[in-house]
Protein backbone atom coordinates (compact mmCIF):
# COMPACT_ATOMS: atom_id res chain seq x y z
CA UNK A 1 0.00 0.00 0.00
CA UNK A 2 1.53 3.35 -1.01
CA UNK A 3 2.22 5.90 1.67
CA UNK A 4 0.94 9.42 1.12
CA UNK A 5 2.52 12.25 3.02
CA UNK A 6 0.70 15.53 3.47
CA UNK A 7 2.77 18.42 2.24
CA UNK A 8 3.05 21.21 4.77
CA UNK A 9 2.86 24.51 2.96
CA UNK A 10 4.65 27.61 4.11
CA UNK A 11 2.58 29.85 6.39
CA UNK A 12 3.81 32.89 4.45
CA UNK A 13 0.97 35.28 3.55
CA UNK A 14 3.18 37.71 1.59
CA UNK A 15 2.85 40.39 4.26
CA UNK A 16 6.48 40.40 5.34
CA UNK A 17 7.51 42.87 8.00
CA UNK A 18 9.87 42.01 10.86
CA UNK A 19 9.40 43.33 14.37
CA UNK A 20 12.22 44.26 16.76
CA UNK A 21 12.70 40.55 17.60
CA UNK A 22 12.99 39.54 13.92
CA UNK A 23 9.55 37.92 13.93
CA UNK A 24 7.46 38.35 10.79
CA UNK A 25 4.21 40.15 11.53
CA UNK A 26 2.53 38.33 8.64
CA UNK A 27 3.28 34.65 9.34
CA UNK A 28 4.78 34.94 12.86
CA UNK A 29 7.94 32.99 11.96
CA UNK A 30 11.35 34.04 13.16
CA UNK A 31 13.97 34.93 10.57
CA UNK A 32 15.77 31.67 11.43
CA UNK A 33 12.55 29.69 10.82
CA UNK A 34 11.91 31.46 7.52
CA UNK A 35 15.40 30.62 6.28
CA UNK A 36 15.17 27.01 7.53
CA UNK A 37 11.73 26.27 6.01
CA UNK A 38 12.88 25.15 2.55
CA UNK A 39 15.18 22.45 3.93
CA UNK A 40 13.07 21.46 6.94
CA UNK A 41 11.60 17.97 7.17
CA UNK A 42 7.99 17.36 8.15
CA UNK A 43 8.62 17.24 11.92
CA UNK A 44 10.64 20.47 11.84
CA UNK A 45 7.93 22.19 9.79
CA UNK A 46 5.31 21.10 12.32
CA UNK A 47 7.49 22.52 15.10
CA UNK A 48 7.77 25.82 13.22
CA UNK A 49 4.00 25.95 12.63
CA UNK A 50 3.31 25.32 16.33
CA UNK A 51 5.69 28.16 17.23
CA UNK A 52 3.88 30.41 14.75
CA UNK A 53 0.50 29.63 16.30
CA UNK A 54 1.81 30.43 19.78
CA UNK A 55 3.29 33.73 18.61
CA UNK A 56 0.13 34.65 16.74
CA UNK A 57 -2.02 33.97 19.83
CA UNK A 58 0.32 36.07 21.99
CA UNK A 59 0.29 38.86 19.42
CA UNK A 60 -3.52 38.82 19.34
CA UNK A 61 -3.68 39.00 23.14
CA UNK A 62 -1.32 41.96 23.25
CA UNK A 63 -3.22 43.72 20.47
CA UNK A 64 -6.48 43.43 22.43
CA UNK A 65 -4.84 45.00 25.49
CA UNK A 66 -3.78 48.05 23.51
PDB file of N, CA and C in Angstrom:
ATOM      1  N   UNK A   1       0.839  -1.183   0.000  1.00  0.00           N
ATOM      2  CA  UNK A   1       0.000   0.000   0.000  1.00  0.00           C
ATOM      3  C   UNK A   1       0.883   1.244   0.000  1.00  0.00           C
ATOM      4  N   UNK A   2       0.685   2.167  -0.943  1.00  0.00           N
ATOM      5  CA  UNK A   2       1.532   3.355  -1.008  1.00  0.00           C
ATOM      6  C   UNK A   2       1.289   4.281   0.180  1.00  0.00           C
ATOM      7  N   UNK A   3       2.338   4.951   0.559  1.00  0.00           N
ATOM      8  CA  UNK A   3       2.220   5.903   1.670  1.00  0.00           C
ATOM      9  C   UNK A   3       2.120   7.309   1.110  1.00  0.00           C
ATOM     10  N   UNK A   4       1.131   8.052   1.567  1.00  0.00           N
ATOM     11  CA  UNK A   4       0.938   9.424   1.115  1.00  0.00           C
ATOM     12  C   UNK A   4       1.260  10.354   2.261  1.00  0.00           C
ATOM     13  N   UNK A   5       2.130  11.294   1.994  1.00  0.00           N
ATOM     14  CA  UNK A   5       2.518  12.248   3.021  1.00  0.00           C
ATOM     15  C   UNK A   5       1.926  13.611   2.686  1.00  0.00           C
ATOM     16  N   UNK A   6       1.277  14.204   3.660  1.00  0.00           N
ATOM     17  CA  UNK A   6       0.702  15.527   3.468  1.00  0.00           C
ATOM     18  C   UNK A   6       1.822  16.547   3.402  1.00  0.00           C
ATOM     19  N   UNK A   7       1.775  17.363   2.373  1.00  0.00           N
ATOM     20  CA  UNK A   7       2.769  18.423   2.237  1.00  0.00           C
ATOM     21  C   UNK A   7       2.360  19.586   3.136  1.00  0.00           C
ATOM     22  N   UNK A   8       3.310  20.068   3.906  1.00  0.00           N
ATOM     23  CA  UNK A   8       3.048  21.210   4.771  1.00  0.00           C
ATOM     24  C   UNK A   8       3.507  22.465   4.048  1.00  0.00           C
ATOM     25  N   UNK A   9       2.548  23.290   3.683  1.00  0.00           N
ATOM     26  CA  UNK A   9       2.855  24.515   2.961  1.00  0.00           C
ATOM     27  C   UNK A   9       3.360  25.596   3.899  1.00  0.00           C
ATOM     28  N   UNK A  10       4.133  26.475   3.351  1.00  0.00           N
ATOM     29  CA  UNK A  10       4.647  27.610   4.108  1.00  0.00           C
ATOM     30  C   UNK A  10       3.499  28.465   4.621  1.00  0.00           C
ATOM     31  N   UNK A  11       3.622  28.977   5.844  1.00  0.00           N
ATOM     32  CA  UNK A  11       2.579  29.850   6.388  1.00  0.00           C
ATOM     33  C   UNK A  11       2.668  31.285   5.869  1.00  0.00           C
ATOM     34  N   UNK A  12       3.602  31.543   4.980  1.00  0.00           N
ATOM     35  CA  UNK A  12       3.810  32.891   4.453  1.00  0.00           C
ATOM     36  C   UNK A  12       2.534  33.419   3.800  1.00  0.00           C
ATOM     37  N   UNK A  13       2.155  34.647   4.150  1.00  0.00           N
ATOM     38  CA  UNK A  13       0.972  35.279   3.552  1.00  0.00           C
ATOM     39  C   UNK A  13       1.364  36.506   2.724  1.00  0.00           C
ATOM     40  N   UNK A  14       2.640  36.617   2.421  1.00  0.00           N
ATOM     41  CA  UNK A  14       3.182  37.705   1.591  1.00  0.00           C
ATOM     42  C   UNK A  14       2.926  39.084   2.204  1.00  0.00           C
ATOM     43  N   UNK A  15       2.992  39.133   3.528  1.00  0.00           N
ATOM     44  CA  UNK A  15       2.851  40.388   4.255  1.00  0.00           C
ATOM     45  C   UNK A  15       4.054  40.499   5.187  1.00  0.00           C
ATOM     46  N   UNK A  16       5.239  40.513   4.585  1.00  0.00           N
ATOM     47  CA  UNK A  16       6.483  40.404   5.336  1.00  0.00           C
ATOM     48  C   UNK A  16       6.904  41.733   5.951  1.00  0.00           C
ATOM     49  N   UNK A  17       7.027  41.705   7.254  1.00  0.00           N
ATOM     50  CA  UNK A  17       7.507  42.865   8.002  1.00  0.00           C
ATOM     51  C   UNK A  17       8.019  42.330   9.335  1.00  0.00           C
ATOM     52  N   UNK A  18       9.280  42.542   9.622  1.00  0.00           N
ATOM     53  CA  UNK A  18       9.871  42.014  10.856  1.00  0.00           C
ATOM     54  C   UNK A  18       9.736  43.004  11.999  1.00  0.00           C
ATOM     55  N   UNK A  19       9.439  42.478  13.184  1.00  0.00           N
ATOM     56  CA  UNK A  19       9.401  43.330  14.366  1.00  0.00           C
ATOM     57  C   UNK A  19      10.808  43.436  14.963  1.00  0.00           C
ATOM     58  N   UNK A  20      10.918  44.043  16.131  1.00  0.00           N
ATOM     59  CA  UNK A  20      12.223  44.261  16.761  1.00  0.00           C
ATOM     60  C   UNK A  20      12.898  42.956  17.199  1.00  0.00           C
ATOM     61  N   UNK A  21      12.140  41.857  17.240  1.00  0.00           N
ATOM     62  CA  UNK A  21      12.700  40.547  17.603  1.00  0.00           C
ATOM     63  C   UNK A  21      12.925  39.668  16.372  1.00  0.00           C
ATOM     64  N   UNK A  22      12.863  40.258  15.188  1.00  0.00           N
ATOM     65  CA  UNK A  22      12.991  39.536  13.916  1.00  0.00           C
ATOM     66  C   UNK A  22      11.932  38.454  13.740  1.00  0.00           C
ATOM     67  N   UNK A  23      10.702  38.784  14.142  1.00  0.00           N
ATOM     68  CA  UNK A  23       9.548  37.916  13.926  1.00  0.00           C
ATOM     69  C   UNK A  23       8.678  38.579  12.868  1.00  0.00           C
ATOM     70  N   UNK A  24       8.311  37.812  11.857  1.00  0.00           N
ATOM     71  CA  UNK A  24       7.462  38.350  10.789  1.00  0.00           C
ATOM     72  C   UNK A  24       6.061  38.612  11.326  1.00  0.00           C
ATOM     73  N   UNK A  25       5.546  39.797  11.077  1.00  0.00           N
ATOM     74  CA  UNK A  25       4.210  40.154  11.534  1.00  0.00           C
ATOM     75  C   UNK A  25       3.117  39.520  10.664  1.00  0.00           C
ATOM     76  N   UNK A  26       3.492  38.989   9.520  1.00  0.00           N
ATOM     77  CA  UNK A  26       2.528  38.326   8.643  1.00  0.00           C
ATOM     78  C   UNK A  26       2.322  36.867   9.020  1.00  0.00           C
ATOM     79  N   UNK A  27       3.397  36.089   9.084  1.00  0.00           N
ATOM     80  CA  UNK A  27       3.283  34.647   9.344  1.00  0.00           C
ATOM     81  C   UNK A  27       3.725  34.245  10.742  1.00  0.00           C
ATOM     82  N   UNK A  28       4.331  35.164  11.475  1.00  0.00           N
ATOM     83  CA  UNK A  28       4.782  34.940  12.857  1.00  0.00           C
ATOM     84  C   UNK A  28       5.941  33.948  12.965  1.00  0.00           C
ATOM     85  N   UNK A  29       6.714  33.796  11.883  1.00  0.00           N
ATOM     86  CA  UNK A  29       7.937  32.988  11.960  1.00  0.00           C
ATOM     87  C   UNK A  29       9.110  33.888  12.279  1.00  0.00           C
ATOM     88  N   UNK A  30      10.114  33.302  12.938  1.00  0.00           N
ATOM     89  CA  UNK A  30      11.350  34.039  13.159  1.00  0.00           C
ATOM     90  C   UNK A  30      12.156  34.022  11.861  1.00  0.00           C
ATOM     91  N   UNK A  31      13.121  34.901  11.762  1.00  0.00           N
ATOM     92  CA  UNK A  31      13.973  34.929  10.567  1.00  0.00           C
ATOM     93  C   UNK A  31      14.671  33.578  10.390  1.00  0.00           C
ATOM     94  N   UNK A  32      15.106  32.981  11.479  1.00  0.00           N
ATOM     95  CA  UNK A  32      15.765  31.672  11.428  1.00  0.00           C
ATOM     96  C   UNK A  32      14.803  30.622  10.864  1.00  0.00           C
ATOM     97  N   UNK A  33      13.546  30.653  11.310  1.00  0.00           N
ATOM     98  CA  UNK A  33      12.550  29.691  10.817  1.00  0.00           C
ATOM     99  C   UNK A  33      12.235  29.915   9.349  1.00  0.00           C
ATOM    100  N   UNK A  34      12.169  31.155   8.926  1.00  0.00           N
ATOM    101  CA  UNK A  34      11.908  31.464   7.523  1.00  0.00           C
ATOM    102  C   UNK A  34      13.019  30.890   6.649  1.00  0.00           C
ATOM    103  N   UNK A  35      14.261  31.110   7.064  1.00  0.00           N
ATOM    104  CA  UNK A  35      15.400  30.616   6.284  1.00  0.00           C
ATOM    105  C   UNK A  35      15.501  29.095   6.309  1.00  0.00           C
ATOM    106  N   UNK A  36      15.063  28.460   7.395  1.00  0.00           N
ATOM    107  CA  UNK A  36      15.171  27.008   7.532  1.00  0.00           C
ATOM    108  C   UNK A  36      14.041  26.254   6.828  1.00  0.00           C
ATOM    109  N   UNK A  37      12.941  26.942   6.520  1.00  0.00           N
ATOM    110  CA  UNK A  37      11.735  26.274   6.014  1.00  0.00           C
ATOM    111  C   UNK A  37      11.990  25.394   4.792  1.00  0.00           C
ATOM    112  N   UNK A  38      12.689  25.886   3.817  1.00  0.00           N
ATOM    113  CA  UNK A  38      12.876  25.147   2.553  1.00  0.00           C
ATOM    114  C   UNK A  38      13.540  23.787   2.761  1.00  0.00           C
ATOM    115  N   UNK A  39      14.457  23.697   3.701  1.00  0.00           N
ATOM    116  CA  UNK A  39      15.179  22.446   3.926  1.00  0.00           C
ATOM    117  C   UNK A  39      14.634  21.634   5.095  1.00  0.00           C
ATOM    118  N   UNK A  40      13.600  22.134   5.748  1.00  0.00           N
ATOM    119  CA  UNK A  40      13.066  21.459   6.939  1.00  0.00           C
ATOM    120  C   UNK A  40      12.262  20.218   6.560  1.00  0.00           C
ATOM    121  N   UNK A  41      12.422  19.165   7.371  1.00  0.00           N
ATOM    122  CA  UNK A  41      11.602  17.972   7.167  1.00  0.00           C
ATOM    123  C   UNK A  41      10.236  18.193   7.814  1.00  0.00           C
ATOM    124  N   UNK A  42       9.364  17.212   7.692  1.00  0.00           N
ATOM    125  CA  UNK A  42       7.989  17.358   8.155  1.00  0.00           C
ATOM    126  C   UNK A  42       7.920  17.684   9.644  1.00  0.00           C
ATOM    127  N   UNK A  43       8.692  16.994  10.474  1.00  0.00           N
ATOM    128  CA  UNK A  43       8.623  17.237  11.918  1.00  0.00           C
ATOM    129  C   UNK A  43       9.117  18.638  12.275  1.00  0.00           C
ATOM    130  N   UNK A  44      10.140  19.115  11.585  1.00  0.00           N
ATOM    131  CA  UNK A  44      10.640  20.465  11.836  1.00  0.00           C
ATOM    132  C   UNK A  44       9.608  21.497  11.387  1.00  0.00           C
ATOM    133  N   UNK A  45       8.954  21.257  10.258  1.00  0.00           N
ATOM    134  CA  UNK A  45       7.926  22.190   9.789  1.00  0.00           C
ATOM    135  C   UNK A  45       6.751  22.252  10.773  1.00  0.00           C
ATOM    136  N   UNK A  46       6.379  21.111  11.317  1.00  0.00           N
ATOM    137  CA  UNK A  46       5.311  21.098  12.320  1.00  0.00           C
ATOM    138  C   UNK A  46       5.735  21.915  13.537  1.00  0.00           C
ATOM    139  N   UNK A  47       6.964  21.749  13.966  1.00  0.00           N
ATOM    140  CA  UNK A  47       7.489  22.520  15.101  1.00  0.00           C
ATOM    141  C   UNK A  47       7.425  24.028  14.811  1.00  0.00           C
ATOM    142  N   UNK A  48       7.813  24.410  13.613  1.00  0.00           N
ATOM    143  CA  UNK A  48       7.774  25.824  13.221  1.00  0.00           C
ATOM    144  C   UNK A  48       6.333  26.333  13.226  1.00  0.00           C
ATOM    145  N   UNK A  49       5.401  25.541  12.683  1.00  0.00           N
ATOM    146  CA  UNK A  49       3.998  25.946  12.634  1.00  0.00           C
ATOM    147  C   UNK A  49       3.406  26.096  14.033  1.00  0.00           C
ATOM    148  N   UNK A  50       3.781  25.220  14.945  1.00  0.00           N
ATOM    149  CA  UNK A  50       3.313  25.322  16.328  1.00  0.00           C
ATOM    150  C   UNK A  50       3.839  26.614  16.960  1.00  0.00           C
ATOM    151  N   UNK A  51       5.107  26.905  16.720  1.00  0.00           N
ATOM    152  CA  UNK A  51       5.691  28.156  17.231  1.00  0.00           C
ATOM    153  C   UNK A  51       4.950  29.368  16.664  1.00  0.00           C
ATOM    154  N   UNK A  52       4.609  29.311  15.389  1.00  0.00           N
ATOM    155  CA  UNK A  52       3.875  30.413  14.746  1.00  0.00           C
ATOM    156  C   UNK A  52       2.520  30.619  15.417  1.00  0.00           C
ATOM    157  N   UNK A  53       1.821  29.532  15.663  1.00  0.00           N
ATOM    158  CA  UNK A  53       0.501  29.628  16.297  1.00  0.00           C
ATOM    159  C   UNK A  53       0.602  30.250  17.685  1.00  0.00           C
ATOM    160  N   UNK A  54       1.616  29.859  18.439  1.00  0.00           N
ATOM    161  CA  UNK A  54       1.812  30.427  19.780  1.00  0.00           C
ATOM    162  C   UNK A  54       2.085  31.925  19.693  1.00  0.00           C
ATOM    163  N   UNK A  55       2.966  32.302  18.767  1.00  0.00           N
ATOM    164  CA  UNK A  55       3.288  33.725  18.609  1.00  0.00           C
ATOM    165  C   UNK A  55       2.075  34.526  18.146  1.00  0.00           C
ATOM    166  N   UNK A  56       1.306  33.959  17.236  1.00  0.00           N
ATOM    167  CA  UNK A  56       0.126  34.652  16.739  1.00  0.00           C
ATOM    168  C   UNK A  56      -0.892  34.860  17.865  1.00  0.00           C
ATOM    169  N   UNK A  57      -1.086  33.854  18.698  1.00  0.00           N
ATOM    170  CA  UNK A  57      -2.015  33.973  19.827  1.00  0.00           C
ATOM    171  C   UNK A  57      -1.539  35.046  20.801  1.00  0.00           C
ATOM    172  N   UNK A  58      -0.241  35.056  21.081  1.00  0.00           N
ATOM    173  CA  UNK A  58       0.319  36.071  21.988  1.00  0.00           C
ATOM    174  C   UNK A  58       0.171  37.465  21.381  1.00  0.00           C
ATOM    175  N   UNK A  59       0.417  37.589  20.103  1.00  0.00           N
ATOM    176  CA  UNK A  59       0.289  38.863  19.415  1.00  0.00           C
ATOM    177  C   UNK A  59      -1.157  39.371  19.482  1.00  0.00           C
ATOM    178  N   UNK A  60      -2.106  38.456  19.278  1.00  0.00           N
ATOM    179  CA  UNK A  60      -3.521  38.822  19.339  1.00  0.00           C
ATOM    180  C   UNK A  60      -3.915  39.292  20.724  1.00  0.00           C
ATOM    181  N   UNK A  61      -3.403  38.606  21.767  1.00  0.00           N
ATOM    182  CA  UNK A  61      -3.675  38.998  23.140  1.00  0.00           C
ATOM    183  C   UNK A  61      -3.164  40.400  23.421  1.00  0.00           C
ATOM    184  N   UNK A  62      -1.918  40.662  23.015  1.00  0.00           N
ATOM    185  CA  UNK A  62      -1.317  41.962  23.251  1.00  0.00           C
ATOM    186  C   UNK A  62      -2.059  43.059  22.500  1.00  0.00           C
ATOM    187  N   UNK A  63      -2.493  42.747  21.294  1.00  0.00           N
ATOM    188  CA  UNK A  63      -3.218  43.718  20.468  1.00  0.00           C
ATOM    189  C   UNK A  63      -4.537  44.117  21.129  1.00  0.00           C
ATOM    190  N   UNK A  64      -5.217  43.140  21.746  1.00  0.00           N
ATOM    191  CA  UNK A  64      -6.479  43.426  22.429  1.00  0.00           C
ATOM    192  C   UNK A  64      -6.276  44.319  23.648  1.00  0.00           C
ATOM    193  N   UNK A  65      -5.125  44.179  24.304  1.00  0.00           N
ATOM    194  CA  UNK A  65      -4.838  44.999  25.492  1.00  0.00           C
ATOM    195  C   UNK A  65      -4.570  46.446  25.131  1.00  0.00           C
ATOM    196  N   UNK A  66      -4.122  46.685  23.925  1.00  0.00           N
ATOM    197  CA  UNK A  66      -3.783  48.049  23.510  1.00  0.00           C
ATOM    198  C   UNK A  66      -4.946  48.754  22.971  1.00  0.00           C
TER     199      UNK A  66
END
